[in-house]
N, C-alpha and C. Protein backbone atom coordinates (compact mmCIF):
# COMPACT_ATOMS: atom_id res chain seq x y z
N MET A 1 134.51 90.14 115.74
CA MET A 1 134.41 91.02 114.30
C MET A 1 132.52 89.89 113.27
N ILE A 2 133.24 90.42 112.53
CA ILE A 2 131.80 90.01 111.86
C ILE A 2 132.31 88.89 111.22
N SER A 3 132.13 87.78 110.97
CA SER A 3 131.68 86.17 110.93
C SER A 3 130.30 85.96 109.44
N SER A 4 131.65 85.08 109.02
CA SER A 4 130.30 84.48 107.91
C SER A 4 128.81 84.43 108.57
N GLU A 5 128.38 84.23 109.93
CA GLU A 5 127.23 83.40 109.95
C GLU A 5 126.49 84.70 110.50
N MET A 6 127.42 85.25 110.70
CA MET A 6 126.71 86.53 111.08
C MET A 6 125.73 86.88 109.26
N ILE A 7 127.05 87.61 108.88
CA ILE A 7 126.51 87.83 107.70
C ILE A 7 124.99 87.18 106.82
N SER A 8 125.38 85.75 107.16
CA SER A 8 124.50 84.95 106.53
C SER A 8 122.83 85.74 106.92
N ILE A 9 123.05 85.45 108.33
CA ILE A 9 121.48 86.14 109.04
C ILE A 9 121.62 87.19 108.83
N VAL A 10 122.10 88.49 108.83
CA VAL A 10 121.50 90.04 108.33
C VAL A 10 121.61 89.66 107.13
N GLY A 11 122.69 88.97 106.78
CA GLY A 11 122.52 89.79 105.47
C GLY A 11 121.41 89.56 104.13
N PRO A 12 120.41 88.88 104.90
CA PRO A 12 119.44 89.22 104.00
C PRO A 12 118.55 89.16 104.02
N ALA A 13 117.49 89.59 105.46
CA ALA A 13 117.63 91.19 105.97
C ALA A 13 117.46 92.99 105.67
N LEU A 14 119.36 92.58 105.94
CA LEU A 14 119.96 93.99 105.20
C LEU A 14 119.06 94.17 104.10
N ALA A 15 119.30 93.53 102.55
CA ALA A 15 119.17 93.41 101.27
C ALA A 15 118.01 93.70 101.49
N ALA A 16 117.20 92.70 101.52
CA ALA A 16 115.76 93.53 101.82
C ALA A 16 115.25 94.43 102.17
N GLY A 17 116.03 95.30 103.42
CA GLY A 17 114.96 96.42 104.08
C GLY A 17 115.97 97.28 102.90
N LEU A 18 116.82 96.85 102.54
CA LEU A 18 117.44 98.66 101.36
C LEU A 18 116.36 97.93 100.50
N MET A 19 115.97 97.24 100.01
CA MET A 19 115.74 96.83 98.54
C MET A 19 113.74 97.35 99.45
N ILE A 20 113.50 97.07 99.76
CA ILE A 20 111.72 98.56 100.54
C ILE A 20 113.04 99.98 100.74
N ALA A 21 113.71 100.24 101.16
CA ALA A 21 114.09 101.47 100.65
C ALA A 21 114.00 102.38 99.98
N PHE A 22 114.29 101.47 98.94
CA PHE A 22 115.13 102.00 97.67
C PHE A 22 113.26 101.62 96.93
N THR A 23 112.59 101.13 96.85
CA THR A 23 111.13 100.90 96.05
C THR A 23 110.15 102.09 96.69
N HIS A 24 110.52 102.23 97.59
CA HIS A 24 109.19 102.91 99.08
C HIS A 24 109.07 104.62 98.79
N ALA A 25 110.94 104.85 99.35
CA ALA A 25 111.11 106.70 98.95
C ALA A 25 110.11 106.99 97.37
N PRO A 26 110.56 106.68 96.80
CA PRO A 26 110.70 107.71 95.62
C PRO A 26 108.97 107.13 95.44
N LEU A 27 107.66 106.45 95.66
CA LEU A 27 106.77 105.99 95.67
C LEU A 27 106.23 106.83 96.59
N GLY A 28 106.58 106.97 97.51
CA GLY A 28 106.44 107.75 99.00
C GLY A 28 106.50 109.33 98.61
N ILE A 29 107.46 109.84 97.94
CA ILE A 29 107.11 110.68 97.75
C ILE A 29 106.07 111.10 96.76
N GLU A 30 105.69 110.40 95.22
CA GLU A 30 104.84 110.40 94.64
C GLU A 30 103.94 110.64 94.29
N VAL A 31 103.77 110.65 95.72
CA VAL A 31 102.31 109.84 96.94
C VAL A 31 101.93 111.23 97.11
N LEU A 32 103.23 111.71 98.08
CA LEU A 32 102.66 113.11 98.56
C LEU A 32 102.75 114.22 97.08
N ASN A 33 103.52 114.03 96.09
CA ASN A 33 103.21 115.27 95.65
C ASN A 33 101.56 114.72 94.55
N ARG A 34 101.33 113.69 94.93
CA ARG A 34 100.14 113.57 93.93
C ARG A 34 98.87 114.44 94.95
N GLY A 35 98.94 114.50 96.21
CA GLY A 35 98.20 114.45 97.48
C GLY A 35 97.13 112.69 97.30
N ILE A 36 97.65 111.68 97.27
CA ILE A 36 96.60 110.30 96.83
C ILE A 36 97.15 109.42 97.77
N ILE A 37 96.87 110.39 99.05
CA ILE A 37 97.69 109.53 100.90
C ILE A 37 96.45 108.60 100.71
N PHE A 38 96.25 107.26 100.46
CA PHE A 38 95.21 106.53 100.94
C PHE A 38 95.27 106.31 100.56
N ILE A 39 96.21 106.16 98.51
CA ILE A 39 96.27 104.59 97.99
C ILE A 39 96.79 103.24 98.25
N ASP A 40 97.49 103.99 99.01
CA ASP A 40 98.61 102.69 99.90
C ASP A 40 98.30 102.02 101.15
N LEU A 41 96.67 102.15 101.49
CA LEU A 41 95.64 102.21 102.46
C LEU A 41 95.13 100.55 101.44
N ALA A 42 93.98 101.06 100.14
CA ALA A 42 93.86 100.58 99.86
C ALA A 42 93.84 99.04 98.32
N VAL A 43 95.84 99.83 98.37
CA VAL A 43 96.61 98.86 97.64
C VAL A 43 96.50 96.74 98.17
N ALA A 44 97.20 97.50 99.37
CA ALA A 44 97.58 97.19 100.15
C ALA A 44 95.81 96.43 100.98
N GLN A 45 94.53 97.05 101.15
CA GLN A 45 93.64 95.92 101.02
C GLN A 45 93.45 95.23 99.87
N ILE A 46 92.92 95.48 98.70
CA ILE A 46 93.02 94.57 98.47
C ILE A 46 94.44 93.53 97.50
N ALA A 47 95.79 93.39 98.13
CA ALA A 47 96.30 92.51 97.99
C ALA A 47 96.31 91.34 99.42
N GLY A 48 95.55 91.75 100.93
CA GLY A 48 95.41 91.53 101.54
C GLY A 48 93.72 90.78 100.88
N LEU A 49 92.67 90.64 100.40
CA LEU A 49 91.61 90.66 99.44
C LEU A 49 91.35 89.24 99.23
N GLY A 50 93.20 89.24 97.93
CA GLY A 50 93.47 88.68 97.25
C GLY A 50 94.23 86.92 98.28
N LEU A 51 94.61 87.19 98.61
CA LEU A 51 95.26 86.76 100.07
C LEU A 51 94.46 86.05 100.69
N ILE A 52 93.61 86.38 100.82
CA ILE A 52 92.18 85.43 101.97
C ILE A 52 91.34 84.87 100.69
N ALA A 53 91.25 85.48 99.92
CA ALA A 53 90.47 84.30 98.32
C ALA A 53 91.07 83.13 98.33
N ALA A 54 92.61 83.13 97.98
CA ALA A 54 93.32 82.86 97.88
C ALA A 54 93.89 81.26 99.06
N GLU A 55 93.82 81.67 100.59
CA GLU A 55 93.06 80.68 101.15
C GLU A 55 92.00 80.51 101.12
N LEU A 56 90.67 80.68 101.41
CA LEU A 56 89.18 80.10 101.70
C LEU A 56 89.73 79.11 100.26
N LEU A 57 88.97 79.20 99.25
CA LEU A 57 88.81 78.55 97.76
C LEU A 57 90.26 78.00 97.14
N LEU A 58 91.81 78.30 97.29
CA LEU A 58 92.87 77.19 96.54
C LEU A 58 92.79 76.13 98.22
N HIS A 59 92.36 74.73 97.19
CA HIS A 59 92.88 73.28 98.55
C HIS A 59 94.01 73.73 97.93
N GLU A 60 94.17 74.28 100.15
CA GLU A 60 96.06 73.99 100.40
C GLU A 60 96.96 74.32 99.61
N PRO A 61 96.83 75.86 99.40
CA PRO A 61 97.54 76.90 98.24
C PRO A 61 99.46 76.24 98.95
N SER A 62 99.72 76.71 98.30
CA SER A 62 101.39 77.17 99.12
C SER A 62 101.50 78.44 99.15
N PHE A 63 102.96 78.47 99.85
CA PHE A 63 102.89 80.12 100.30
C PHE A 63 103.08 80.98 99.06
N TRP A 64 103.92 80.45 98.13
CA TRP A 64 103.69 81.16 97.42
C TRP A 64 103.18 81.37 96.42
N LEU A 65 102.17 80.21 96.14
CA LEU A 65 100.62 80.05 95.13
C LEU A 65 100.04 82.03 95.53
N ILE A 66 98.99 81.58 96.53
CA ILE A 66 99.48 82.83 98.71
C ILE A 66 99.97 84.37 97.71
N GLN A 67 101.50 83.44 97.85
CA GLN A 67 101.93 85.52 97.96
C GLN A 67 102.13 85.86 96.34
N LEU A 68 101.96 85.06 95.36
CA LEU A 68 101.84 85.53 93.67
C LEU A 68 100.16 85.50 94.02
N ILE A 69 99.69 85.38 94.32
CA ILE A 69 97.68 86.21 93.73
C ILE A 69 97.62 87.28 94.60
N ALA A 70 97.86 87.11 96.24
CA ALA A 70 98.47 89.23 96.43
C ALA A 70 99.32 90.32 95.60
N LEU A 71 100.21 89.39 95.46
CA LEU A 71 100.63 90.79 94.16
C LEU A 71 100.09 90.28 93.27
N ALA A 72 99.56 89.62 92.51
CA ALA A 72 98.35 90.12 91.49
C ALA A 72 97.93 91.19 92.11
N ALA A 73 96.44 90.84 92.88
CA ALA A 73 95.91 91.77 92.52
C ALA A 73 96.29 93.18 92.75
N ALA A 74 97.35 93.30 93.90
CA ALA A 74 97.51 94.71 94.53
C ALA A 74 97.91 95.15 92.86
N VAL A 75 99.35 94.93 91.71
CA VAL A 75 98.90 95.13 90.45
C VAL A 75 98.24 95.91 90.14
N LEU A 76 97.09 94.81 90.46
CA LEU A 76 95.89 94.90 88.79
C LEU A 76 94.98 95.53 89.53
N SER A 77 95.62 96.13 90.66
CA SER A 77 94.97 97.56 91.83
C SER A 77 95.51 98.76 91.72
N GLY A 78 96.22 99.02 91.33
CA GLY A 78 96.95 99.67 90.74
C GLY A 78 97.05 100.16 89.66
N LEU A 79 96.95 98.86 88.58
CA LEU A 79 97.00 99.74 87.20
C LEU A 79 95.53 99.74 86.84
N PHE A 80 94.34 99.78 87.77
CA PHE A 80 92.87 99.91 88.01
C PHE A 80 92.99 101.52 88.30
N PHE A 81 94.00 102.12 89.90
CA PHE A 81 93.78 102.60 90.00
C PHE A 81 95.06 104.24 88.92
N HIS A 82 95.43 103.69 88.53
CA HIS A 82 96.17 104.57 87.17
C HIS A 82 95.38 104.70 86.15
N LYS A 83 94.16 103.85 85.43
CA LYS A 83 93.44 103.97 84.64
C LYS A 83 92.22 105.69 85.80
N VAL A 84 91.80 104.99 86.32
CA VAL A 84 91.62 105.94 86.76
C VAL A 84 91.64 107.02 87.33
N GLU A 85 93.09 108.06 87.95
CA GLU A 85 93.89 108.65 88.10
C GLU A 85 93.77 109.27 86.31
N ILE A 86 93.03 108.74 85.15
CA ILE A 86 93.34 109.15 83.67
C ILE A 86 92.79 109.05 83.10
N CYS A 87 91.09 108.99 82.99
CA CYS A 87 90.07 109.03 82.79
C CYS A 87 88.92 109.79 84.14
N VAL A 88 88.82 109.57 85.23
CA VAL A 88 88.93 111.13 85.89
C VAL A 88 89.29 111.04 87.35
N PRO A 89 90.48 111.83 86.79
CA PRO A 89 90.94 112.81 87.91
C PRO A 89 90.12 112.94 89.57
N LYS A 90 89.41 113.96 89.69
CA LYS A 90 88.65 114.31 90.05
C LYS A 90 88.31 113.00 91.51
N GLN A 91 87.35 112.49 90.68
CA GLN A 91 86.95 111.05 91.64
C GLN A 91 87.71 110.23 92.28
N GLN A 92 89.02 110.21 91.46
CA GLN A 92 89.67 109.72 92.01
C GLN A 92 89.35 108.98 94.00
N GLU A 93 89.82 110.21 94.52
CA GLU A 93 90.94 109.48 95.52
C GLU A 93 89.11 109.09 96.21
N ALA A 94 87.85 110.00 96.07
CA ALA A 94 86.68 108.88 96.15
C ALA A 94 87.28 107.84 95.96
N ILE A 95 86.49 107.20 94.84
CA ILE A 95 87.02 106.20 94.13
C ILE A 95 88.45 105.47 94.55
N ILE A 96 88.86 105.57 94.81
CA ILE A 96 90.38 104.67 95.64
C ILE A 96 89.94 104.55 97.42
N GLY A 97 88.56 105.16 97.65
CA GLY A 97 88.05 105.45 99.58
C GLY A 97 86.90 104.05 98.62
N VAL A 98 85.99 104.19 98.10
CA VAL A 98 85.33 102.92 97.77
C VAL A 98 85.94 101.56 98.13
N SER A 99 86.89 101.98 97.18
CA SER A 99 87.78 100.60 97.34
C SER A 99 88.13 99.49 98.39
N PHE A 100 88.77 100.40 98.71
CA PHE A 100 89.31 100.44 100.65
C PHE A 100 88.31 99.92 101.32
N VAL A 101 87.07 100.17 100.86
CA VAL A 101 85.79 99.94 101.80
C VAL A 101 85.18 98.82 101.33
N LEU A 102 85.06 98.96 100.20
CA LEU A 102 84.72 97.25 98.95
C LEU A 102 85.22 96.35 99.56
N ALA A 103 86.71 96.49 99.74
CA ALA A 103 87.88 95.29 99.98
C ALA A 103 87.41 94.56 101.47
N ALA A 104 87.63 95.71 102.75
CA ALA A 104 86.95 95.11 103.61
C ALA A 104 86.55 94.78 103.98
N SER A 105 85.89 95.05 103.08
CA SER A 105 83.94 94.73 103.71
C SER A 105 83.88 93.81 103.05
N LEU A 106 84.27 93.18 101.60
CA LEU A 106 84.56 91.72 101.33
C LEU A 106 85.11 90.59 101.55
N ALA A 107 86.47 91.28 102.04
CA ALA A 107 87.15 90.06 102.77
C ALA A 107 86.39 89.39 104.69
N ILE A 108 85.82 90.89 105.14
CA ILE A 108 84.94 90.15 106.27
C ILE A 108 84.37 89.56 105.93
N LEU A 109 83.69 89.79 104.70
CA LEU A 109 82.12 88.78 104.77
C LEU A 109 83.37 86.86 104.40
N LEU A 110 84.30 87.05 104.05
CA LEU A 110 84.99 85.71 103.12
C LEU A 110 85.09 85.02 104.50
N LEU A 111 86.16 86.23 105.88
CA LEU A 111 86.15 85.17 106.42
C LEU A 111 85.67 85.16 107.10
N ALA A 112 83.43 85.08 107.76
CA ALA A 112 82.57 84.67 107.84
C ALA A 112 81.95 84.07 109.05
N ASP A 113 82.73 82.79 108.18
CA ASP A 113 82.03 81.24 108.31
C ASP A 113 83.30 80.47 108.75
N HIS A 114 84.79 81.70 109.26
CA HIS A 114 85.83 80.00 109.30
C HIS A 114 86.15 80.92 110.66
N PRO A 115 86.73 79.43 110.47
CA PRO A 115 86.94 79.29 112.23
C PRO A 115 88.09 80.14 113.34
N ASN A 116 89.30 80.85 112.24
CA ASN A 116 90.10 81.85 112.99
C ASN A 116 90.03 83.24 112.98
N SER A 117 88.23 83.13 111.67
CA SER A 117 87.97 84.31 111.78
C SER A 117 88.49 86.19 112.37
N GLY A 118 88.19 85.57 113.93
CA GLY A 118 88.53 86.99 114.79
C GLY A 118 89.64 87.55 114.30
N GLU A 119 90.93 87.17 114.98
CA GLU A 119 92.02 87.28 114.39
C GLU A 119 92.37 87.01 113.01
N GLU A 120 92.21 86.89 111.91
CA GLU A 120 92.28 86.82 110.52
C GLU A 120 91.93 88.53 110.02
N ILE A 121 90.72 88.50 110.61
CA ILE A 121 90.42 89.87 109.96
C ILE A 121 91.00 91.27 111.73
N GLN A 122 91.30 90.90 112.53
CA GLN A 122 92.41 91.95 113.13
C GLN A 122 93.63 91.51 112.53
N TYR A 123 94.52 90.69 111.68
CA TYR A 123 95.11 91.03 111.16
C TYR A 123 94.92 91.92 109.97
N LEU A 124 93.92 91.01 109.71
CA LEU A 124 94.06 91.92 108.12
C LEU A 124 93.62 94.39 107.59
N LEU A 125 92.99 94.71 109.25
CA LEU A 125 92.49 95.38 108.94
C LEU A 125 93.39 96.19 109.70
N SER A 126 94.62 95.30 110.25
CA SER A 126 95.39 96.30 111.27
C SER A 126 96.61 96.02 110.28
N GLY A 127 96.57 95.62 108.93
CA GLY A 127 98.27 96.34 107.82
C GLY A 127 99.13 95.45 108.18
N GLN A 128 98.24 93.59 108.54
CA GLN A 128 98.83 92.56 108.34
C GLN A 128 99.58 91.43 107.79
């Protein structure tokens, strides 16, 4: 049957999965309704840039500080894209695309002299 040990192992993963499902399903529906399919990639790329910048620029940052900086970068990019949607809706998709390419390019430039840059770039561009 179901033991307390099994619940302690599976419980947090199940809770995280349910939280992701409940938050991402409405977001996905909204993205599809608006037709701005590329926005999730741009926000993720900007969060990745924040993560790389935090790792390279801060001296031995904690795991939670790096995650907080990546979250802040994602939230700020979301606010920026919301402002773009209000001010220039016809150019919104182009600005989102340029932001994605700019974030990816800056991340590659930041990792240019890093010893494990090949692996880091591969993880970043594959969405890890």
